[in-house]
Amino acid sequence: MRAMILAAGRGERMRPLTDRLPKVLLEVDGKPLLQWHVEKLQRAGCKRIVINHAWLGEQIEQRLGDGSRFGVEIVYSPEKQALETAGGIAQALPLIGHAPFLVVNGDVFTDLDFAGLMPRLGELHGDGFLAHLVLVDNPPHHPRGDFALNGERVAVDGENRLTFSGVGLYQPQLFAAIQPGKRAPLAPLLRAAMERGAVSGERYGGRWFDVGTPERLAELNRMCGLL
């Protein structure tokens, strides 16, 4: 399994914490968010991890290096300006390869076992599913959710609305129309694929946090201290 961690965001809502530090290097329970993901991916059997970066990206490379001390190979996809989610993935595809792969947002925190997603990678092939999304219950700051989960298919509309966790599996061809180096959001690609019935999904009920503000980061660290 190959994986990509999205780490190019500026973290505007995290300011002033992110004025001199990339958001993904903010610490949870004494460890950078990014390192939590790297270690979990290694335990899941991932050997090669691609990390994109833009804002203060040199700090990320200095902190994690080539990944050898974590038992993985880390390669970097630098962006002069953040290309948004789909644009960043499209630019990194030459580093990822031609097989389906896992992507995780660098600014979420979860105890999801990535190894449990590996069987799903085999379902992303040919003209079948283009993506598989991990969805979670809607947090207080996002009560309307993102998508609807109908059985194992994800739809744009529906009653059982959940929030996209930032963890997904993708076929490279989902990003085929995006020119490398161009900004592009992920949501329109996913919605178009959903209209074709080409996105599967699952609900995850374990620990998951969108570490999007200083207040949420502080809350998460308080909770970790109580566990």
C-alpha atoms as a PDB file:
ATOM      1  CA  MET A   1       0.000   0.000   0.000  1.00  0.00           C
ATOM      2  CA  ARG A   2       1.192   3.483  -0.873  1.00  0.00           C
ATOM      3  CA  ALA A   3      -0.166   6.522   0.872  1.00  0.00           C
ATOM      4  CA  MET A   4      -0.187  10.290   0.717  1.00  0.00           C
ATOM      5  CA  ILE A   5      -0.517  12.711   3.614  1.00  0.00           C
ATOM      6  CA  LEU A   6      -1.901  16.130   2.727  1.00  0.00           C
ATOM      7  CA  ALA A   7       0.185  18.746   4.505  1.00  0.00           C
ATOM      8  CA  ALA A   8       0.167  21.834   2.287  1.00  0.00           C
ATOM      9  CA  GLY A   9      -2.517  23.853   4.061  1.00  0.00           C
ATOM     10  CA  ARG A  10      -1.680  27.266   5.500  1.00  0.00           C
ATOM     11  CA  GLY A  11      -3.813  26.767   8.601  1.00  0.00           C
ATOM     12  CA  GLU A  12      -5.390  30.223   8.677  1.00  0.00           C
ATOM     13  CA  ARG A  13      -7.850  29.291  11.432  1.00  0.00           C
ATOM     14  CA  MET A  14      -4.933  28.040  13.536  1.00  0.00           C
ATOM     15  CA  ARG A  15      -3.164  31.382  13.599  1.00  0.00           C
ATOM     16  CA  PRO A  16      -1.137  32.562  15.439  1.00  0.00           C
ATOM     17  CA  LEU A  17       0.037  28.993  16.128  1.00  0.00           C
ATOM     18  CA  THR A  18       0.756  28.468  12.437  1.00  0.00           C
ATOM     19  CA  ASP A  19       2.519  31.753  11.751  1.00  0.00           C
ATOM     20  CA  ARG A  20       5.886  30.081  12.292  1.00  0.00           C
ATOM     21  CA  LEU A  21       4.986  26.385  12.260  1.00  0.00           C
ATOM     22  CA  PRO A  22       3.171  24.196   9.703  1.00  0.00           C
ATOM     23  CA  LYS A  23      -0.203  23.085  11.011  1.00  0.00           C
ATOM     24  CA  VAL A  24       0.717  19.410  10.678  1.00  0.00           C
ATOM     25  CA  LEU A  25       3.636  19.883  13.089  1.00  0.00           C
ATOM     26  CA  LEU A  26       1.367  21.054  15.909  1.00  0.00           C
ATOM     27  CA  GLU A  27       1.548  18.493  18.684  1.00  0.00           C
ATOM     28  CA  VAL A  28      -1.059  16.167  20.128  1.00  0.00           C
ATOM     29  CA  ASP A  29      -0.019  14.381  23.297  1.00  0.00           C
ATOM     30  CA  GLY A  30       3.592  15.416  22.730  1.00  0.00           C
ATOM     31  CA  LYS A  31       3.852  14.305  19.109  1.00  0.00           C
ATOM     32  CA  PRO A  32       3.263  16.192  15.810  1.00  0.00           C
ATOM     33  CA  LEU A  33       0.020  15.368  14.027  1.00  0.00           C
ATOM     34  CA  LEU A  34       2.022  14.356  10.975  1.00  0.00           C
ATOM     35  CA  GLN A  35       4.123  11.880  12.924  1.00  0.00           C
ATOM     36  CA  TRP A  36       1.018  10.151  14.288  1.00  0.00           C
ATOM     37  CA  HIS A  37      -0.058   9.437  10.699  1.00  0.00           C
ATOM     38  CA  VAL A  38       3.383   8.260   9.576  1.00  0.00           C
ATOM     39  CA  GLU A  39       3.651   5.797  12.452  1.00  0.00           C
ATOM     40  CA  LYS A  40       0.126   4.469  11.926  1.00  0.00           C
ATOM     41  CA  LEU A  41       0.748   3.977   8.213  1.00  0.00           C
ATOM     42  CA  GLN A  42       3.976   2.108   8.955  1.00  0.00           C
ATOM     43  CA  ARG A  43       2.148  -0.232  11.336  1.00  0.00           C
ATOM     44  CA  ALA A  44      -0.445  -0.827   8.605  1.00  0.00           C
ATOM     45  CA  GLY A  45       2.280  -2.062   6.270  1.00  0.00           C
ATOM     46  CA  CYS A  46       2.791   1.058   4.186  1.00  0.00           C
ATOM     47  CA  LYS A  47       6.366   1.290   2.894  1.00  0.00           C
ATOM     48  CA  ARG A  48       6.281   4.538   0.911  1.00  0.00           C
ATOM     49  CA  ILE A  49       4.566   7.761   1.964  1.00  0.00           C
ATOM     50  CA  VAL A  50       4.246  10.900  -0.143  1.00  0.00           C
ATOM     51  CA  ILE A  51       3.812  14.187   1.712  1.00  0.00           C
ATOM     52  CA  ASN A  52       2.962  17.415  -0.074  1.00  0.00           C
ATOM     53  CA  HIS A  53       3.769  20.745   1.485  1.00  0.00           C
ATOM     54  CA  ALA A  54       3.751  24.468   0.762  1.00  0.00           C
ATOM     55  CA  TRP A  55       3.709  26.744   3.817  1.00  0.00           C
ATOM     56  CA  LEU A  56       6.996  26.322   5.741  1.00  0.00           C
ATOM     57  CA  GLY A  57       7.480  22.971   4.058  1.00  0.00           C
ATOM     58  CA  GLU A  58      11.192  22.891   4.797  1.00  0.00           C
ATOM     59  CA  GLN A  59      10.314  22.423   8.474  1.00  0.00           C
ATOM     60  CA  ILE A  60       8.365  19.294   7.599  1.00  0.00           C
ATOM     61  CA  GLU A  61      11.285  17.825   5.674  1.00  0.00           C
ATOM     62  CA  GLN A  62      13.692  18.677   8.470  1.00  0.00           C
ATOM     63  CA  ARG A  63      11.447  17.094  11.101  1.00  0.00           C
ATOM     64  CA  LEU A  64      10.693  13.804   9.317  1.00  0.00           C
ATOM     65  CA  GLY A  65      13.646  13.437   6.949  1.00  0.00           C
ATOM     66  CA  ASP A  66      13.592  10.469   4.593  1.00  0.00           C
ATOM     67  CA  GLY A  67      11.424   8.424   6.951  1.00  0.00           C
ATOM     68  CA  SER A  68      14.083   5.839   7.744  1.00  0.00           C
ATOM     69  CA  ARG A  69      13.817   6.345  11.494  1.00  0.00           C
ATOM     70  CA  PHE A  70      10.116   5.494  11.213  1.00  0.00           C
ATOM     71  CA  GLY A  71      10.705   2.419   9.064  1.00  0.00           C
ATOM     72  CA  VAL A  72       9.249   3.929   5.882  1.00  0.00           C
ATOM     73  CA  GLU A  73      10.377   5.835   2.824  1.00  0.00           C
ATOM     74  CA  ILE A  74       9.103   9.419   2.766  1.00  0.00           C
ATOM     75  CA  VAL A  75       9.192  11.447  -0.425  1.00  0.00           C
ATOM     76  CA  TYR A  76       8.001  15.031  -0.731  1.00  0.00           C
ATOM     77  CA  SER A  77       5.884  16.860  -3.268  1.00  0.00           C
ATOM     78  CA  PRO A  78       6.593  20.583  -2.749  1.00  0.00           C
ATOM     79  CA  GLU A  79       4.126  23.189  -3.975  1.00  0.00           C
ATOM     80  CA  LYS A  80       5.035  26.836  -4.509  1.00  0.00           C
ATOM     81  CA  GLN A  81       1.467  27.672  -3.539  1.00  0.00           C
ATOM     82  CA  ALA A  82      -1.005  25.215  -2.076  1.00  0.00           C
ATOM     83  CA  LEU A  83      -2.826  23.485  -4.931  1.00  0.00           C
ATOM     84  CA  GLU A  84      -5.866  22.376  -2.871  1.00  0.00           C
ATOM     85  CA  THR A  85      -6.608  18.718  -2.305  1.00  0.00           C
ATOM     86  CA  ALA A  86      -7.144  17.363  -5.818  1.00  0.00           C
ATOM     87  CA  GLY A  87      -4.455  19.606  -7.317  1.00  0.00           C
ATOM     88  CA  GLY A  88      -1.941  18.440  -4.748  1.00  0.00           C
ATOM     89  CA  ILE A  89      -2.768  14.791  -5.339  1.00  0.00           C
ATOM     90  CA  ALA A  90      -2.592  15.190  -9.131  1.00  0.00           C
ATOM     91  CA  GLN A  91       0.859  16.751  -8.916  1.00  0.00           C
ATOM     92  CA  ALA A  92       2.082  13.950  -6.642  1.00  0.00           C
ATOM     93  CA  LEU A  93       0.814  11.060  -8.799  1.00  0.00           C
ATOM     94  CA  PRO A  94       4.213  10.381 -10.415  1.00  0.00           C
ATOM     95  CA  LEU A  95       5.556   9.763  -6.905  1.00  0.00           C
ATOM     96  CA  ILE A  96       2.601   7.591  -5.880  1.00  0.00           C
ATOM     97  CA  GLY A  97       2.384   5.242  -8.850  1.00  0.00           C
ATOM     98  CA  HIS A  98      -0.411   3.697 -10.889  1.00  0.00           C
ATOM     99  CA  ALA A  99      -2.153   1.584  -8.234  1.00  0.00           C
ATOM    100  CA  PRO A 100      -4.981   2.737  -5.945  1.00  0.00           C
ATOM    101  CA  PHE A 101      -3.677   4.516  -2.868  1.00  0.00           C
ATOM    102  CA  LEU A 102      -4.686   5.928   0.504  1.00  0.00           C
ATOM    103  CA  VAL A 103      -4.849   9.642   1.304  1.00  0.00           C
ATOM    104  CA  VAL A 104      -5.215  11.159   4.765  1.00  0.00           C
ATOM    105  CA  ASN A 105      -5.550  14.818   5.718  1.00  0.00           C
ATOM    106  CA  GLY A 106      -2.605  15.820   7.856  1.00  0.00           C
ATOM    107  CA  ASP A 107      -4.755  17.941  10.179  1.00  0.00           C
ATOM    108  CA  VAL A 108      -7.073  15.218  11.470  1.00  0.00           C
ATOM    109  CA  PHE A 109      -6.473  12.920  14.413  1.00  0.00           C
ATOM    110  CA  THR A 110      -7.965   9.433  14.550  1.00  0.00           C
ATOM    111  CA  ASP A 111      -7.449   5.956  15.951  1.00  0.00           C
ATOM    112  CA  LEU A 112      -8.682   4.405  12.694  1.00  0.00           C
ATOM    113  CA  ASP A 113      -6.646   1.310  11.797  1.00  0.00           C
ATOM    114  CA  PHE A 114      -5.452   1.997   8.249  1.00  0.00           C
ATOM    115  CA  ALA A 115      -4.695  -1.709   7.766  1.00  0.00           C
ATOM    116  CA  GLY A 116      -8.423  -2.364   7.841  1.00  0.00           C
ATOM    117  CA  LEU A 117      -8.809  -0.373   4.630  1.00  0.00           C
ATOM    118  CA  MET A 118      -6.377  -2.494   2.625  1.00  0.00           C
ATOM    119  CA  PRO A 119      -9.029  -4.963   1.361  1.00  0.00           C
ATOM    120  CA  ARG A 120     -10.914  -1.994  -0.078  1.00  0.00           C
ATOM    121  CA  LEU A 121      -7.961  -1.067  -2.275  1.00  0.00           C
ATOM    122  CA  GLY A 122      -8.622  -4.187  -4.323  1.00  0.00           C
ATOM    123  CA  GLU A 123     -12.143  -2.982  -5.081  1.00  0.00           C
ATOM    124  CA  LEU A 124     -10.858   0.142  -6.824  1.00  0.00           C
ATOM    125  CA  HIS A 125     -10.061  -1.001 -10.332  1.00  0.00           C
ATOM    126  CA  GLY A 126     -11.084  -0.582 -13.925  1.00  0.00           C
ATOM    127  CA  ASP A 127     -14.520   0.887 -14.460  1.00  0.00           C
ATOM    128  CA  GLY A 128     -15.687   0.142 -10.921  1.00  0.00           C
ATOM    129  CA  PHE A 129     -15.347   2.379  -7.904  1.00  0.00           C
ATOM    130  CA  LEU A 130     -13.074   5.387  -8.260  1.00  0.00           C
ATOM    131  CA  ALA A 131     -12.991   6.200  -4.554  1.00  0.00           C
ATOM    132  CA  HIS A 132     -13.798   4.819  -1.122  1.00  0.00           C
ATOM    133  CA  LEU A 133     -14.444   7.332   1.656  1.00  0.00           C
ATOM    134  CA  VAL A 134     -14.348   6.950   5.416  1.00  0.00           C
ATOM    135  CA  LEU A 135     -17.224   8.947   6.919  1.00  0.00           C
ATOM    136  CA  VAL A 136     -17.852   9.911  10.538  1.00  0.00           C
ATOM    137  CA  ASP A 137     -20.733  11.271  12.573  1.00  0.00           C
ATOM    138  CA  ASN A 138     -21.213  14.993  12.115  1.00  0.00           C
ATOM    139  CA  PRO A 139     -19.225  17.024  14.666  1.00  0.00           C
ATOM    140  CA  PRO A 140     -20.825  20.045  16.362  1.00  0.00           C
ATOM    141  CA  HIS A 141     -19.032  22.488  14.055  1.00  0.00           C
ATOM    142  CA  HIS A 142     -20.319  20.699  10.930  1.00  0.00           C
ATOM    143  CA  PRO A 143     -23.858  19.511  11.763  1.00  0.00           C
ATOM    144  CA  ARG A 144     -25.135  19.122   8.189  1.00  0.00           C
ATOM    145  CA  GLY A 145     -22.367  16.751   7.108  1.00  0.00           C
ATOM    146  CA  ASP A 146     -20.949  16.359   3.617  1.00  0.00           C
ATOM    147  CA  PHE A 147     -22.438  13.310   1.908  1.00  0.00           C
ATOM    148  CA  ALA A 148     -25.070  10.616   2.365  1.00  0.00           C
ATOM    149  CA  LEU A 149     -24.185   6.969   2.951  1.00  0.00           C
ATOM    150  CA  ASN A 150     -26.693   4.631   1.349  1.00  0.00           C
ATOM    151  CA  GLY A 151     -25.582   1.109   2.168  1.00  0.00           C
ATOM    152  CA  GLU A 152     -22.016   1.045   0.897  1.00  0.00           C
ATOM    153  CA  ARG A 153     -22.460   3.785  -1.688  1.00  0.00           C
ATOM    154  CA  VAL A 154     -21.872   7.454  -1.067  1.00  0.00           C
ATOM    155  CA  ALA A 155     -24.245   9.981  -2.617  1.00  0.00           C
ATOM    156  CA  VAL A 156     -24.393  13.742  -2.801  1.00  0.00           C
ATOM    157  CA  ASP A 157     -27.868  13.854  -1.251  1.00  0.00           C
ATOM    158  CA  GLY A 158     -29.799  11.640   1.111  1.00  0.00           C
ATOM    159  CA  GLU A 159     -31.019  11.276   4.680  1.00  0.00           C
ATOM    160  CA  ASN A 160     -28.085   9.513   6.324  1.00  0.00           C
ATOM    161  CA  ARG A 161     -25.703  12.452   6.017  1.00  0.00           C
ATOM    162  CA  LEU A 162     -22.231  12.083   7.476  1.00  0.00           C
ATOM    163  CA  THR A 163     -18.964  14.022   7.442  1.00  0.00           C
ATOM    164  CA  PHE A 164     -15.997  13.079   5.279  1.00  0.00           C
ATOM    165  CA  SER A 165     -13.173  12.173   7.656  1.00  0.00           C
ATOM    166  CA  GLY A 166     -10.330  13.208   5.368  1.00  0.00           C
ATOM    167  CA  VAL A 167      -9.357   9.554   4.898  1.00  0.00           C
ATOM    168  CA  GLY A 168     -10.015   8.081   1.467  1.00  0.00           C
ATOM    169  CA  LEU A 169      -8.849   5.553  -1.096  1.00  0.00           C
ATOM    170  CA  TYR A 170      -8.575   6.622  -4.724  1.00  0.00           C
ATOM    171  CA  GLN A 171      -7.918   5.363  -8.197  1.00  0.00           C
ATOM    172  CA  PRO A 172      -5.354   7.564  -9.956  1.00  0.00           C
ATOM    173  CA  GLN A 173      -7.716   7.995 -12.892  1.00  0.00           C
ATOM    174  CA  LEU A 174     -10.028  10.084 -10.688  1.00  0.00           C
ATOM    175  CA  PHE A 175      -7.478  12.884 -11.119  1.00  0.00           C
ATOM    176  CA  ALA A 176      -6.667  12.290 -14.784  1.00  0.00           C
ATOM    177  CA  ALA A 177      -8.262  15.528 -16.000  1.00  0.00           C
ATOM    178  CA  ILE A 178      -6.284  17.768 -13.656  1.00  0.00           C
ATOM    179  CA  GLN A 179      -3.191  19.360 -15.090  1.00  0.00           C
ATOM    180  CA  PRO A 180      -0.231  19.066 -12.699  1.00  0.00           C
ATOM    181  CA  GLY A 181       0.514  22.369 -11.024  1.00  0.00           C
ATOM    182  CA  LYS A 182      -3.080  23.620 -11.253  1.00  0.00           C
ATOM    183  CA  ARG A 183      -5.253  24.322  -8.226  1.00  0.00           C
ATOM    184  CA  ALA A 184      -8.231  22.000  -7.950  1.00  0.00           C
ATOM    185  CA  PRO A 185     -10.587  21.048  -5.100  1.00  0.00           C
ATOM    186  CA  LEU A 186     -11.540  17.442  -4.432  1.00  0.00           C
ATOM    187  CA  ALA A 187     -15.269  17.816  -3.757  1.00  0.00           C
ATOM    188  CA  PRO A 188     -16.365  18.434  -7.393  1.00  0.00           C
ATOM    189  CA  LEU A 189     -14.507  15.315  -8.544  1.00  0.00           C
ATOM    190  CA  LEU A 190     -16.142  13.231  -5.837  1.00  0.00           C
ATOM    191  CA  ARG A 191     -19.620  14.589  -6.555  1.00  0.00           C
ATOM    192  CA  ALA A 192     -19.266  13.803 -10.251  1.00  0.00           C
ATOM    193  CA  ALA A 193     -18.132  10.266  -9.414  1.00  0.00           C
ATOM    194  CA  MET A 194     -21.012   9.858  -6.960  1.00  0.00           C
ATOM    195  CA  GLU A 195     -23.495  10.755  -9.695  1.00  0.00           C
ATOM    196  CA  ARG A 196     -22.107   7.768 -11.618  1.00  0.00           C
ATOM    197  CA  GLY A 197     -22.347   5.488  -8.574  1.00  0.00           C
ATOM    198  CA  ALA A 198     -18.570   5.209  -8.469  1.00  0.00           C
ATOM    199  CA  VAL A 199     -17.889   6.092  -4.814  1.00  0.00           C
ATOM    200  CA  SER A 200     -18.186   3.600  -1.976  1.00  0.00           C
ATOM    201  CA  GLY A 201     -17.912   4.389   1.702  1.00  0.00           C
ATOM    202  CA  GLU A 202     -18.113   3.292   5.297  1.00  0.00           C
ATOM    203  CA  ARG A 203     -18.949   4.879   8.626  1.00  0.00           C
ATOM    204  CA  TYR A 204     -16.257   4.929  11.295  1.00  0.00           C
ATOM    205  CA  GLY A 205     -17.446   5.269  14.871  1.00  0.00           C
ATOM    206  CA  GLY A 206     -14.114   5.520  16.679  1.00  0.00           C
ATOM    207  CA  ARG A 207     -12.059   8.518  17.697  1.00  0.00           C
ATOM    208  CA  TRP A 208     -11.793  11.240  15.096  1.00  0.00           C
ATOM    209  CA  PHE A 209     -11.056  14.938  15.423  1.00  0.00           C
ATOM    210  CA  ASP A 210     -10.781  17.736  12.906  1.00  0.00           C
ATOM    211  CA  VAL A 211      -7.973  19.737  14.492  1.00  0.00           C
ATOM    212  CA  GLY A 212      -8.996  22.947  12.775  1.00  0.00           C
ATOM    213  CA  THR A 213      -8.740  25.608  15.484  1.00  0.00           C
ATOM    214  CA  PRO A 214      -6.546  26.299  18.524  1.00  0.00           C
ATOM    215  CA  GLU A 215      -9.549  25.545  20.727  1.00  0.00           C
ATOM    216  CA  ARG A 216     -10.059  22.088  19.197  1.00  0.00           C
ATOM    217  CA  LEU A 217      -6.346  21.351  19.482  1.00  0.00           C
ATOM    218  CA  ALA A 218      -6.405  22.278  23.168  1.00  0.00           C
ATOM    219  CA  GLU A 219      -9.538  20.175  23.714  1.00  0.00           C
ATOM    220  CA  LEU A 220      -7.933  17.171  22.031  1.00  0.00           C
ATOM    221  CA  ASN A 221      -4.820  17.458  24.159  1.00  0.00           C
ATOM    222  CA  ARG A 222      -6.956  17.656  27.308  1.00  0.00           C
ATOM    223  CA  MET A 223      -8.830  14.527  26.248  1.00  0.00           C
ATOM    224  CA  CYS A 224      -5.592  12.661  25.518  1.00  0.00           C
ATOM    225  CA  GLY A 225      -4.413  13.502  29.013  1.00  0.00           C
ATOM    226  CA  LEU A 226      -7.510  11.868  30.480  1.00  0.00           C
ATOM    227  CA  LEU A 227      -7.218   8.587  28.549  1.00  0.00           C
END
